[in-house]
PDB file of N, CA and C in Angstrom:
ATOM      1  N   UNK A   1     -42.506 161.656 -31.570  1.00  0.00           N
ATOM      2  CA  UNK A   1     -42.908 161.599 -30.133  1.00  0.00           C
ATOM      3  C   UNK A   1     -43.417 160.230 -29.733  1.00  0.00           C
ATOM      4  N   UNK A   2     -44.227 159.668 -30.576  1.00  0.00           N
ATOM      5  CA  UNK A   2     -44.801 158.298 -30.257  1.00  0.00           C
ATOM      6  C   UNK A   2     -43.591 157.327 -30.378  1.00  0.00           C
ATOM      7  N   UNK A   3     -42.756 157.519 -31.289  1.00  0.00           N
ATOM      8  CA  UNK A   3     -41.591 156.585 -31.341  1.00  0.00           C
ATOM      9  C   UNK A   3     -40.845 156.523 -30.185  1.00  0.00           C
ATOM     10  N   UNK A   4     -40.695 157.668 -29.489  1.00  0.00           N
ATOM     11  CA  UNK A   4     -39.922 157.789 -28.271  1.00  0.00           C
ATOM     12  C   UNK A   4     -40.592 156.967 -27.220  1.00  0.00           C
ATOM     13  N   UNK A   5     -41.876 157.145 -27.208  1.00  0.00           N
ATOM     14  CA  UNK A   5     -42.693 156.462 -26.197  1.00  0.00           C
ATOM     15  C   UNK A   5     -42.589 154.835 -26.273  1.00  0.00           C
ATOM     16  N   UNK A   6     -42.520 154.387 -27.511  1.00  0.00           N
ATOM     17  CA  UNK A   6     -42.443 153.052 -27.761  1.00  0.00           C
ATOM     18  C   UNK A   6     -41.064 152.530 -27.275  1.00  0.00           C
ATOM     19  N   UNK A   7     -40.108 153.411 -27.486  1.00  0.00           N
ATOM     20  CA  UNK A   7     -38.731 153.108 -27.044  1.00  0.00           C
ATOM     21  C   UNK A   7     -38.689 152.978 -25.551  1.00  0.00           C
ATOM     22  N   UNK A   8     -39.345 153.881 -24.813  1.00  0.00           N
ATOM     23  CA  UNK A   8     -39.386 153.950 -23.424  1.00  0.00           C
ATOM     24  C   UNK A   8     -40.007 152.644 -22.837  1.00  0.00           C
ATOM     25  N   UNK A   9     -41.035 152.198 -23.445  1.00  0.00           N
ATOM     26  CA  UNK A   9     -41.896 151.038 -23.132  1.00  0.00           C
ATOM     27  C   UNK A   9     -40.791 149.803 -23.221  1.00  0.00           C
ATOM     28  N   UNK A  10     -40.144 149.793 -24.394  1.00  0.00           N
ATOM     29  CA  UNK A  10     -39.256 148.710 -24.683  1.00  0.00           C
ATOM     30  C   UNK A  10     -38.147 148.623 -23.598  1.00  0.00           C
ATOM     31  N   UNK A  11     -37.576 149.658 -23.128  1.00  0.00           N
ATOM     32  CA  UNK A  11     -36.598 149.779 -22.180  1.00  0.00           C
ATOM     33  C   UNK A  11     -37.071 149.258 -20.929  1.00  0.00           C
ATOM     34  N   UNK A  12     -38.254 149.715 -20.563  1.00  0.00           N
ATOM     35  CA  UNK A  12     -38.902 149.228 -19.203  1.00  0.00           C
ATOM     36  C   UNK A  12     -39.129 147.675 -19.300  1.00  0.00           C
ATOM     37  N   UNK A  13     -39.575 147.116 -20.461  1.00  0.00           N
ATOM     38  CA  UNK A  13     -39.790 145.724 -20.495  1.00  0.00           C
ATOM     39  C   UNK A  13     -38.538 145.013 -20.296  1.00  0.00           C
ATOM     40  N   UNK A  14     -37.419 145.479 -20.918  1.00  0.00           N
ATOM     41  CA  UNK A  14     -36.082 144.885 -20.943  1.00  0.00           C
ATOM     42  C   UNK A  14     -35.653 144.834 -19.377  1.00  0.00           C
ATOM     43  N   UNK A  15     -35.879 145.953 -18.688  1.00  0.00           N
ATOM     44  CA  UNK A  15     -35.430 146.129 -17.311  1.00  0.00           C
ATOM     45  C   UNK A  15     -36.160 145.076 -16.508  1.00  0.00           C
ATOM     46  N   UNK A  16     -37.449 145.047 -16.773  1.00  0.00           N
ATOM     47  CA  UNK A  16     -38.417 143.979 -15.921  1.00  0.00           C
ATOM     48  C   UNK A  16     -37.911 142.681 -16.236  1.00  0.00           C
ATOM     49  N   UNK A  17     -37.604 142.241 -17.527  1.00  0.00           N
ATOM     50  CA  UNK A  17     -37.163 140.924 -17.712  1.00  0.00           C
ATOM     51  C   UNK A  17     -35.791 140.643 -16.944  1.00  0.00           C
ATOM     52  N   UNK A  18     -35.055 141.678 -16.910  1.00  0.00           N
ATOM     53  CA  UNK A  18     -33.625 141.440 -16.249  1.00  0.00           C
ATOM     54  C   UNK A  18     -33.898 141.219 -14.740  1.00  0.00           C
ATOM     55  N   UNK A  19     -34.732 141.997 -14.200  1.00  0.00           N
ATOM     56  CA  UNK A  19     -35.196 141.829 -12.780  1.00  0.00           C
ATOM     57  C   UNK A  19     -35.590 140.404 -12.479  1.00  0.00           C
ATOM     58  N   UNK A  20     -36.614 140.109 -13.307  1.00  0.00           N
ATOM     59  CA  UNK A  20     -37.263 138.806 -13.125  1.00  0.00           C
ATOM     60  C   UNK A  20     -36.295 137.634 -13.308  1.00  0.00           C
ATOM     61  N   UNK A  21     -35.428 137.809 -14.347  1.00  0.00           N
ATOM     62  CA  UNK A  21     -34.435 136.739 -14.443  1.00  0.00           C
ATOM     63  C   UNK A  21     -33.543 136.632 -13.251  1.00  0.00           C
ATOM     64  N   UNK A  22     -33.080 137.785 -12.690  1.00  0.00           N
ATOM     65  CA  UNK A  22     -32.255 137.751 -11.426  1.00  0.00           C
ATOM     66  C   UNK A  22     -32.946 137.014 -10.318  1.00  0.00           C
ATOM     67  N   UNK A  23     -34.247 137.446 -10.221  1.00  0.00           N
ATOM     68  CA  UNK A  23     -34.930 136.905  -9.019  1.00  0.00           C
ATOM     69  C   UNK A  23     -35.131 135.319  -9.249  1.00  0.00           C
ATOM     70  N   UNK A  24     -35.450 134.897 -10.317  1.00  0.00           N
ATOM     71  CA  UNK A  24     -35.478 133.475 -10.665  1.00  0.00           C
ATOM     72  C   UNK A  24     -34.159 132.739 -10.368  1.00  0.00           C
ATOM     73  N   UNK A  25     -33.130 133.392 -10.808  1.00  0.00           N
ATOM     74  CA  UNK A  25     -31.748 132.805 -10.630  1.00  0.00           C
ATOM     75  C   UNK A  25     -31.476 132.644  -9.159  1.00  0.00           C
ATOM     76  N   UNK A  26     -31.727 133.756  -8.445  1.00  0.00           N
ATOM     77  CA  UNK A  26     -31.577 133.748  -6.963  1.00  0.00           C
ATOM     78  C   UNK A  26     -32.367 132.631  -6.345  1.00  0.00           C
ATOM     79  N   UNK A  27     -33.586 132.471  -6.747  1.00  0.00           N
ATOM     80  CA  UNK A  27     -34.521 131.398  -6.103  1.00  0.00           C
ATOM     81  C   UNK A  27     -33.986 129.994  -6.449  1.00  0.00           C
ATOM     82  N   UNK A  28     -33.462 129.830  -7.652  1.00  0.00           N
ATOM     83  CA  UNK A  28     -32.927 128.513  -8.000  1.00  0.00           C
ATOM     84  C   UNK A  28     -31.698 128.187  -7.225  1.00  0.00           C
ATOM     85  N   UNK A  29     -30.791 129.267  -6.962  1.00  0.00           N
ATOM     86  CA  UNK A  29     -29.724 129.022  -6.172  1.00  0.00           C
ATOM     87  C   UNK A  29     -30.087 128.612  -4.758  1.00  0.00           C
ATOM     88  N   UNK A  30     -31.061 129.373  -4.191  1.00  0.00           N
ATOM     89  CA  UNK A  30     -31.651 129.008  -2.816  1.00  0.00           C
ATOM     90  C   UNK A  30     -32.061 127.593  -2.739  1.00  0.00           C
ATOM     91  N   UNK A  31     -32.913 127.139  -3.834  1.00  0.00           N
ATOM     92  CA  UNK A  31     -33.409 125.874  -3.849  1.00  0.00           C
ATOM     93  C   UNK A  31     -32.278 124.893  -3.834  1.00  0.00           C
ATOM     94  N   UNK A  32     -31.298 125.076  -4.632  1.00  0.00           N
ATOM     95  CA  UNK A  32     -30.193 124.118  -4.661  1.00  0.00           C
ATOM     96  C   UNK A  32     -29.485 124.061  -3.302  1.00  0.00           C
ATOM     97  N   UNK A  33     -29.241 125.251  -2.751  1.00  0.00           N
ATOM     98  CA  UNK A  33     -28.701 125.222  -1.383  1.00  0.00           C
ATOM     99  C   UNK A  33     -29.461 124.453  -0.395  1.00  0.00           C
ATOM    100  N   UNK A  34     -30.779 124.626  -0.402  1.00  0.00           N
ATOM    101  CA  UNK A  34     -31.616 123.858   0.600  1.00  0.00           C
ATOM    102  C   UNK A  34     -31.627 122.423   0.286  1.00  0.00           C
ATOM    103  N   UNK A  35     -31.602 122.051  -0.927  1.00  0.00           N
ATOM    104  CA  UNK A  35     -31.480 120.571  -1.307  1.00  0.00           C
ATOM    105  C   UNK A  35     -30.236 119.950  -0.794  1.00  0.00           C
ATOM    106  N   UNK A  36     -29.121 120.812  -1.075  1.00  0.00           N
ATOM    107  CA  UNK A  36     -27.753 120.182  -0.606  1.00  0.00           C
ATOM    108  C   UNK A  36     -27.698 120.187   0.891  1.00  0.00           C
ATOM    109  N   UNK A  37     -28.350 120.861   1.604  1.00  0.00           N
ATOM    110  CA  UNK A  37     -28.421 120.834   3.097  1.00  0.00           C
ATOM    111  C   UNK A  37     -29.197 119.769   3.590  1.00  0.00           C
ATOM    112  N   UNK A  38     -30.321 119.386   2.847  1.00  0.00           N
ATOM    113  CA  UNK A  38     -31.182 118.324   3.260  1.00  0.00           C
ATOM    114  C   UNK A  38     -30.522 116.927   3.106  1.00  0.00           C
ATOM    115  N   UNK A  39     -29.720 116.777   2.138  1.00  0.00           N
ATOM    116  CA  UNK A  39     -29.005 115.514   1.891  1.00  0.00           C
ATOM    117  C   UNK A  39     -28.128 115.052   2.982  1.00  0.00           C
TER     118      UNK A  39
END
């Protein structure tokens, strides 16, 4: 039972990392877009 709980936590962490990565990627794209517009 405890093993399953650890697996659930691992899955949640992976999902969180994925979401954070996507958000950071989107922010970077937005920053690049803004910089290209300023020039």
